[in-house]
Amino acid sequence: MKKSNKQLRKKYSKSIQIIRKIINQWDPIGVASEIDNEYDNYLPMIYKYRNDLEKLIQELENILINEIGLAYDPSNPVHKRDVVEVANKIFNAFNEKKE
């Protein structure tokens, strides 16, 4: 049975809220406590890659470097670890094994 548009919109909205919460907890520029929608423009692309960990990491790096303009260095182990940690949280939120 196909899902209705209303069901799909509800599922998408819930998924976006999950991603928003993770990104706001990460808060790469330190403003989420005052501007809770600061990262909303990036949520659709993050959602797009939620099931592909490598592409998700690449997209988060792209957002940091090209969209936000941070001095992120993917060869810096601390920078990379932070992005991989956030990517894993998002990926795991949508790809947990059901037993």
Protein backbone atom coordinates (compact mmCIF):
# COMPACT_ATOMS: atom_id res chain seq x y z
CA MET A 1 0.00 0.00 0.00
CA LYS A 2 1.35 3.42 -0.96
CA LYS A 3 1.71 6.11 1.64
CA SER A 4 -0.35 9.24 1.15
CA ASN A 5 1.29 12.61 0.65
CA LYS A 6 0.16 13.57 4.14
CA GLN A 7 1.90 10.52 5.63
CA LEU A 8 5.06 11.26 3.64
CA ARG A 9 5.08 14.91 4.74
CA LYS A 10 4.63 13.85 8.37
CA LYS A 11 7.51 11.34 8.12
CA TYR A 12 9.74 13.96 6.39
CA SER A 13 8.89 16.56 9.03
CA LYS A 14 9.73 14.13 11.84
CA SER A 15 13.01 13.21 10.11
CA ILE A 16 13.96 16.86 9.69
CA GLN A 17 13.30 17.46 13.40
CA ILE A 18 15.62 14.58 14.30
CA ILE A 19 18.38 16.02 12.11
CA ARG A 20 17.76 19.55 13.42
CA LYS A 21 18.18 18.34 17.01
CA ILE A 22 21.50 16.62 16.21
CA ILE A 23 22.86 19.59 14.25
CA ASN A 24 21.77 22.06 16.94
CA GLN A 25 23.48 19.96 19.62
CA TRP A 26 26.65 19.99 17.52
CA ASP A 27 26.22 23.74 16.82
CA PRO A 28 29.42 24.38 14.81
CA ILE A 29 29.16 28.18 15.09
CA GLY A 30 27.78 28.34 18.63
CA VAL A 31 24.45 30.08 18.05
CA ALA A 32 21.79 27.36 18.31
CA SER A 33 20.86 28.28 21.87
CA GLU A 34 19.70 31.68 20.59
CA ILE A 35 18.77 30.91 16.97
CA ASP A 36 17.29 27.41 16.82
CA ASN A 37 16.71 27.54 13.05
CA GLU A 38 20.22 28.72 12.13
CA TYR A 39 21.07 25.51 10.29
CA ASP A 40 17.65 24.83 8.72
CA ASN A 41 18.82 25.69 5.18
CA TYR A 42 21.19 22.72 5.33
CA LEU A 43 18.70 20.16 6.62
CA PRO A 44 17.28 19.03 3.24
CA MET A 45 20.73 18.10 1.91
CA ILE A 46 21.65 16.38 5.15
CA TYR A 47 18.35 14.49 4.93
CA LYS A 48 19.16 13.48 1.36
CA TYR A 49 22.36 11.72 2.50
CA ARG A 50 21.08 10.31 5.81
CA ASN A 51 21.45 6.71 4.56
CA ASP A 52 24.94 7.08 3.06
CA LEU A 53 27.56 7.71 5.72
CA GLU A 54 30.40 8.71 3.37
CA LYS A 55 28.25 11.19 1.41
CA LEU A 56 26.85 12.51 4.68
CA ILE A 57 30.38 13.21 5.96
CA GLN A 58 31.25 14.93 2.66
CA GLU A 59 28.09 17.05 2.83
CA LEU A 60 28.77 18.13 6.42
CA GLU A 61 32.32 19.09 5.41
CA ASN A 62 30.96 21.00 2.42
CA ILE A 63 28.52 22.88 4.65
CA LEU A 64 31.27 23.82 7.10
CA ILE A 65 33.72 24.99 4.43
CA ASN A 66 31.60 26.35 1.56
CA GLU A 67 28.34 27.36 3.20
CA ILE A 68 29.26 28.49 6.72
CA GLY A 69 32.83 29.45 5.84
CA LEU A 70 34.61 27.89 8.79
CA ALA A 71 38.30 27.07 8.72
CA TYR A 72 37.57 23.37 8.73
CA ASP A 73 40.47 21.12 7.76
CA PRO A 74 39.50 17.51 6.91
CA SER A 75 43.12 16.43 7.46
CA ASN A 76 42.98 17.69 11.06
CA PRO A 77 42.09 14.64 13.19
CA VAL A 78 40.04 16.69 15.68
CA HIS A 79 38.01 18.39 12.94
CA LYS A 80 37.45 15.09 11.14
CA ARG A 81 36.48 13.28 14.35
CA ASP A 82 33.82 15.90 15.14
CA VAL A 83 32.24 15.64 11.68
CA VAL A 84 32.35 11.85 11.66
CA GLU A 85 30.75 11.78 15.11
CA VAL A 86 27.85 13.98 13.98
CA ALA A 87 27.47 12.04 10.73
CA ASN A 88 27.32 8.79 12.69
CA LYS A 89 24.61 10.17 14.98
CA ILE A 90 22.49 11.15 11.99
CA PHE A 91 23.19 7.93 10.11
CA ASN A 92 22.40 5.78 13.15
CA ALA A 93 19.18 7.67 13.83
CA PHE A 94 17.87 6.46 10.46
CA ASN A 95 19.64 3.14 10.06
CA GLU A 96 19.39 1.40 13.39
CA LYS A 97 18.98 -2.33 13.02
CA LYS A 98 15.57 -3.52 14.04
CA GLU A 99 15.63 -6.80 15.93
